[in-house]
Protein backbone atom coordinates (compact mmCIF):
# COMPACT_ATOMS: atom_id res chain seq x y z
CA MET A 1 -26.95 -31.90 9.28
CA SER A 2 -29.19 -33.05 12.12
CA ASP A 3 -27.05 -31.61 14.70
CA TRP A 4 -25.38 -28.22 13.43
CA SER A 5 -25.73 -25.44 15.01
CA ILE A 6 -26.64 -22.17 13.48
CA ALA A 7 -22.80 -21.16 14.54
CA ASP A 8 -22.05 -23.98 12.13
CA VAL A 9 -23.80 -22.49 9.18
CA ASN A 10 -22.34 -19.06 9.68
CA GLU A 11 -19.06 -20.79 9.61
CA TRP A 12 -20.03 -22.23 6.33
CA TYR A 13 -21.29 -19.26 5.21
CA VAL A 14 -18.37 -17.31 5.65
CA ALA A 15 -15.78 -19.79 3.77
CA THR A 16 -18.28 -19.92 1.00
CA VAL A 17 -18.33 -16.06 0.56
CA ASP A 18 -14.83 -16.30 0.49
CA SER A 19 -14.64 -18.62 -2.01
CA ILE A 20 -16.78 -16.77 -4.40
CA ALA A 21 -14.63 -13.45 -3.80
CA ALA A 22 -11.26 -15.30 -4.57
CA ALA A 23 -12.72 -16.76 -7.77
CA LYS A 24 -14.19 -12.96 -8.71
CA ARG A 25 -10.55 -12.00 -8.04
CA ALA A 26 -9.23 -14.60 -10.20
CA VAL A 27 -11.09 -13.71 -13.11
CA ASN A 28 -10.57 -10.27 -12.47
CA ASP A 29 -6.80 -10.33 -11.97
CA GLY A 30 -6.85 -12.82 -15.54
CA ARG A 31 -5.98 -15.94 -14.46
CA PRO A 32 -7.82 -18.32 -16.67
CA GLU A 33 -7.50 -21.40 -14.50
CA ILE A 34 -10.11 -20.22 -12.66
CA LEU A 35 -12.64 -20.86 -16.02
CA ASP A 36 -11.48 -24.14 -16.51
CA THR A 37 -13.15 -25.43 -13.23
CA LYS A 38 -17.09 -26.91 -13.91
CA GLY A 39 -18.87 -23.76 -12.14
CA TYR A 40 -17.00 -20.89 -14.12
CA ALA A 41 -16.54 -22.50 -17.58
CA ALA A 42 -19.43 -20.32 -18.60
CA LEU A 43 -17.42 -16.73 -17.93
CA ARG A 44 -15.09 -17.98 -20.66
CA GLY A 45 -14.91 -15.03 -23.33
CA ALA A 46 -17.44 -13.18 -21.37
CA SER A 47 -17.48 -9.72 -21.07
CA ASP A 48 -16.33 -7.42 -17.94
CA SER A 49 -20.07 -6.11 -17.35
CA GLU A 50 -21.13 -9.97 -18.17
CA MET A 51 -18.88 -11.34 -15.43
CA GLU A 52 -19.53 -8.41 -13.31
CA ASP A 53 -23.29 -9.37 -13.50
CA TYR A 54 -22.39 -12.95 -12.93
CA PHE A 55 -20.79 -13.05 -9.94
CA ARG A 56 -23.65 -10.45 -8.43
CA LYS A 57 -26.29 -13.18 -9.19
CA LEU A 58 -24.17 -15.81 -7.70
CA SER A 59 -23.58 -13.69 -4.62
CA ALA A 60 -27.25 -13.34 -4.56
CA LYS A 61 -28.07 -16.58 -4.78
CA HIS A 62 -25.89 -17.78 -2.13
CA GLU A 63 -27.28 -15.13 0.55
CA VAL A 64 -30.85 -16.90 -0.13
CA PHE A 65 -29.22 -20.48 0.20
CA ALA A 66 -27.53 -19.57 3.01
CA VAL A 67 -30.36 -17.96 5.04
CA LEU A 68 -32.49 -20.87 4.26
CA ALA A 69 -29.56 -23.11 5.68
CA LEU A 70 -30.18 -21.13 8.70
CA PHE A 71 -33.86 -21.04 9.25
CA ALA A 72 -33.51 -24.92 8.58
CA THR A 73 -30.81 -24.92 10.98
CA CYS A 74 -32.53 -23.01 13.88
CA GLU A 75 -36.28 -25.22 12.97
CA GLY A 76 -33.95 -28.17 13.35
CA GLY A 77 -32.68 -26.98 16.90
CA ILE A 78 -36.41 -26.19 17.96
CA ARG A 79 -37.53 -29.64 16.86
CA ARG A 80 -34.31 -31.29 18.70
CA ASP A 81 -35.53 -29.64 21.94
CA LEU A 82 -39.17 -30.50 21.67
CA LYS A 83 -38.17 -34.14 21.11
CA HIS A 84 -35.96 -33.87 24.24
CA ARG A 85 -38.76 -32.56 26.35
CA VAL A 86 -41.45 -35.26 25.02
CA SER A 87 -39.16 -38.09 25.07
CA GLY A 88 -39.99 -41.02 27.86
CA THR A 89 -37.08 -40.37 30.26
CA SER A 90 -36.86 -36.48 30.18
CA ARG A 91 -37.16 -34.30 33.09
CA ALA A 92 -36.74 -31.32 31.18
CA THR A 93 -38.89 -28.09 32.24
CA TYR A 94 -42.19 -28.00 30.70
CA THR A 95 -42.22 -31.65 29.40
CA GLU A 96 -45.57 -32.58 30.61
CA GLU A 97 -47.04 -29.24 28.56
CA PHE A 98 -45.10 -30.44 25.33
CA ARG A 99 -46.34 -34.15 25.57
CA LYS A 100 -49.67 -33.04 25.69
CA LEU A 101 -49.46 -30.89 22.58
CA HIS A 102 -47.00 -33.64 20.78
CA ALA A 103 -49.90 -36.71 22.04
CA HIS A 104 -52.43 -35.60 19.29
CA VAL A 105 -49.89 -35.30 16.17
CA ASP A 106 -46.86 -36.67 15.00
CA ILE A 107 -45.49 -33.74 13.84
CA VAL A 108 -46.14 -30.26 15.14
CA LYS A 109 -45.81 -27.09 13.70
CA VAL A 110 -43.01 -24.69 14.06
CA ARG A 111 -45.74 -21.99 15.18
CA THR A 112 -47.31 -24.08 17.50
CA ILE A 113 -44.45 -25.09 19.21
CA LEU A 114 -43.33 -21.31 19.83
CA SER A 115 -47.17 -20.46 20.63
CA ARG A 116 -46.86 -23.26 23.46
CA TRP A 117 -43.43 -21.42 24.73
CA LYS A 118 -44.88 -17.81 24.17
CA ARG A 119 -48.01 -18.83 26.73
CA LEU A 120 -45.76 -21.22 29.26
CA LEU A 121 -43.35 -18.36 29.29
CA LYS A 122 -45.93 -15.63 29.59
CA THR A 123 -46.10 -15.19 33.32
CA THR A 124 -42.54 -15.61 34.47
CA LYS A 125 -40.45 -14.64 31.61
CA SER A 126 -42.47 -12.00 29.60
CA TRP A 127 -39.37 -10.28 28.37
CA MET A 128 -39.04 -13.44 25.90
CA GLU A 129 -42.51 -12.88 23.94
CA PRO A 130 -41.30 -10.26 22.03
CA ARG A 131 -38.04 -12.65 20.95
CA LEU A 132 -40.39 -15.44 20.07
CA LEU A 133 -42.40 -13.75 17.76
CA GLU A 134 -39.58 -12.16 16.15
CA LEU A 135 -38.82 -15.70 15.55
CA GLU A 136 -42.49 -16.40 14.37
CA ASN A 137 -42.06 -13.44 12.02
CA PHE A 138 -38.81 -14.82 10.62
CA PHE A 139 -40.45 -18.20 10.15
CA VAL A 140 -43.11 -16.49 8.22
CA GLN A 141 -40.15 -14.48 5.94
CA ARG A 142 -38.68 -17.75 5.64
CA ASN A 143 -41.79 -19.66 3.59
CA GLN A 144 -42.04 -16.18 1.73
CA LEU A 145 -38.07 -16.64 0.81
CA ALA A 146 -38.81 -20.56 -0.20
CA HIS A 147 -41.79 -20.05 -2.12
CA GLY A 148 -40.44 -16.98 -4.02
CA GLN A 149 -42.61 -14.42 -2.58
CA LEU A 150 -39.52 -12.45 -0.76
CA GLY A 151 -36.99 -10.80 -2.91
CA GLU A 152 -33.42 -11.39 -2.80
CA ALA A 153 -32.85 -7.72 -1.98
CA ASN A 154 -34.71 -8.60 1.65
CA VAL A 155 -32.21 -11.04 2.36
CA ASN A 156 -29.14 -10.17 4.52
CA PHE A 157 -27.25 -13.37 6.09
CA ALA A 158 -25.19 -11.80 8.77
CA THR A 159 -28.36 -9.48 10.02
CA ILE A 160 -30.57 -12.76 10.08
CA TYR A 161 -27.78 -14.72 11.88
CA LYS A 162 -26.91 -12.05 14.52
CA ARG A 163 -30.91 -11.98 15.78
CA LEU A 164 -31.09 -15.65 15.60
CA ASP A 165 -28.22 -15.79 18.12
CA ALA A 166 -29.33 -13.40 20.24
CA ILE A 167 -32.77 -14.97 20.42
CA SER A 168 -30.81 -18.58 21.38
CA ALA A 169 -28.84 -16.72 23.93
CA LYS A 170 -31.82 -15.13 25.64
CA TRP A 171 -33.73 -18.56 25.45
CA GLY A 172 -31.20 -19.81 27.38
CA ASP A 173 -31.18 -17.56 29.90
CA ALA A 174 -34.93 -18.12 30.32
CA VAL A 175 -35.11 -22.03 30.02
CA PRO A 176 -31.69 -22.93 30.92
CA ASP A 177 -32.20 -26.53 29.71
CA PHE A 178 -32.88 -25.30 26.11
CA GLY A 179 -30.95 -26.85 23.34
CA GLY A 180 -30.47 -23.66 21.30
CA PHE A 181 -30.13 -23.74 17.83
């Protein structure tokens, strides 16, 4: 998964949402063969309301896991870009600034990387600052979600994907050699 993009996660998300919907239709249409699969065996003999509750909970869990995968992929893109900038032969923009940042620690916090980008782009590409602040906020929410401090009702994969995709595209406009996420 190290070189996945958020577009890859979106593709996976769509396919798996479709799979859950197909399983729900199969159960609702009275096709019992779906109940023979390991994941749905617990539904055998369940009432309609129990089945509805099961699929509602399954969809909510799926949304949470998909959003966490999206954030992990986004973080991976930011870290790959940092690695590229600090590599010995890199001629990427801002290489020296990121080498200085990376010289003191083995693993740089995402917040630190984003803060450095904000500082570097502040004078020439000030329009990136609100996007980087939004990204910082997303990572705070990611941590809250991962630690059970943010309810499932606050999670919407499609909305977060669209915002991350837009931020990545604008970041690429600001820094043409940015690797994206």
